[in-house]
């Protein structure tokens, strides 16, 4: 989630991922995994957002602090 703690602007890391979705990697158990970053849209984003807020309710408050839609990003391993 690119919440940026409810700030008016997207966080820089999200802007970079949105511009270069194929250039991302994460580290899992000490191993680098190349991933593709996709911003979820529409009903898929809403379902993910509902699950996230159910698990971490503090994120829900961020929507009250900003006018922007907080992006939800899915990272998918590249092969």
Protein backbone atom coordinates (compact mmCIF):
# COMPACT_ATOMS: atom_id res chain seq x y z
CA UNK A 1 0.00 0.00 0.00
CA UNK A 2 1.27 3.39 -0.95
CA UNK A 3 -0.40 5.13 1.98
CA UNK A 4 2.36 7.64 2.76
CA UNK A 5 0.64 7.91 6.17
CA UNK A 6 -2.29 9.71 4.55
CA UNK A 7 -0.21 12.48 2.97
CA UNK A 8 -1.54 14.32 -0.08
CA UNK A 9 1.15 12.93 -2.41
CA UNK A 10 2.11 9.37 -3.32
CA UNK A 11 5.34 8.17 -1.70
CA UNK A 12 8.43 8.34 -3.92
CA UNK A 13 8.90 4.56 -3.93
CA UNK A 14 5.43 4.15 -5.43
CA UNK A 15 6.07 6.73 -8.15
CA UNK A 16 9.26 4.85 -9.07
CA UNK A 17 7.43 1.49 -9.17
CA UNK A 18 4.61 2.92 -11.28
CA UNK A 19 7.13 4.25 -13.80
CA UNK A 20 9.26 1.10 -13.85
CA UNK A 21 7.08 -1.88 -12.83
CA UNK A 22 9.50 -4.42 -14.35
CA UNK A 23 12.54 -3.07 -12.50
CA UNK A 24 11.53 -4.12 -8.98
CA UNK A 25 12.98 -6.75 -6.71
CA UNK A 26 12.40 -7.84 -3.13
CA UNK A 27 14.37 -9.90 -0.67
CA UNK A 28 12.76 -13.02 0.80
CA UNK A 29 14.65 -15.15 3.31
CA UNK A 30 17.93 -13.63 2.14
CA UNK A 31 17.18 -14.34 -1.51
CA UNK A 32 16.57 -11.70 -4.18
CA UNK A 33 13.35 -12.16 -6.14
CA UNK A 34 12.67 -10.09 -9.27
CA UNK A 35 9.04 -8.96 -9.33
CA UNK A 36 6.57 -7.01 -11.42
CA UNK A 37 4.66 -4.28 -9.59
CA UNK A 38 1.02 -3.77 -10.60
CA UNK A 39 -1.32 -1.20 -9.08
CA UNK A 40 -4.68 -2.81 -8.48
CA UNK A 41 -7.74 -1.12 -9.95
CA UNK A 42 -11.51 -1.20 -9.50
CA UNK A 43 -13.16 -4.12 -7.71
CA UNK A 44 -9.86 -5.97 -7.34
CA UNK A 45 -8.35 -3.01 -5.47
CA UNK A 46 -11.45 -2.64 -3.30
CA UNK A 47 -11.33 -6.33 -2.27
CA UNK A 48 -7.64 -6.07 -1.41
CA UNK A 49 -8.16 -2.78 0.45
CA UNK A 50 -10.95 -4.32 2.55
CA UNK A 51 -8.72 -7.26 3.51
CA UNK A 52 -5.84 -4.95 4.39
CA UNK A 53 -7.95 -2.67 6.57
CA UNK A 54 -9.50 -5.69 8.32
CA UNK A 55 -6.00 -6.87 9.24
CA UNK A 56 -4.53 -3.42 9.98
CA UNK A 57 -7.36 -0.97 10.79
CA UNK A 58 -5.01 1.99 11.12
CA UNK A 59 -4.72 2.16 7.34
CA UNK A 60 -8.42 2.97 7.10
CA UNK A 61 -7.83 6.26 8.92
CA UNK A 62 -5.41 7.37 6.21
CA UNK A 63 -8.29 7.67 3.73
CA UNK A 64 -9.77 10.36 5.97
CA UNK A 65 -6.55 12.37 5.82
CA UNK A 66 -6.16 12.53 2.02
CA UNK A 67 -8.25 13.12 -1.08
CA UNK A 68 -6.22 10.67 -3.20
CA UNK A 69 -7.02 7.01 -3.64
CA UNK A 70 -4.32 5.09 -1.85
CA UNK A 71 -2.69 2.69 -4.30
CA UNK A 72 -2.51 -1.03 -3.53
CA UNK A 73 0.37 -2.74 -5.29
CA UNK A 74 0.65 -6.43 -6.12
CA UNK A 75 4.15 -7.84 -6.53
CA UNK A 76 4.32 -10.89 -8.79
CA UNK A 77 7.53 -12.90 -9.22
CA UNK A 78 9.01 -12.63 -12.71
CA UNK A 79 10.29 -15.79 -14.32
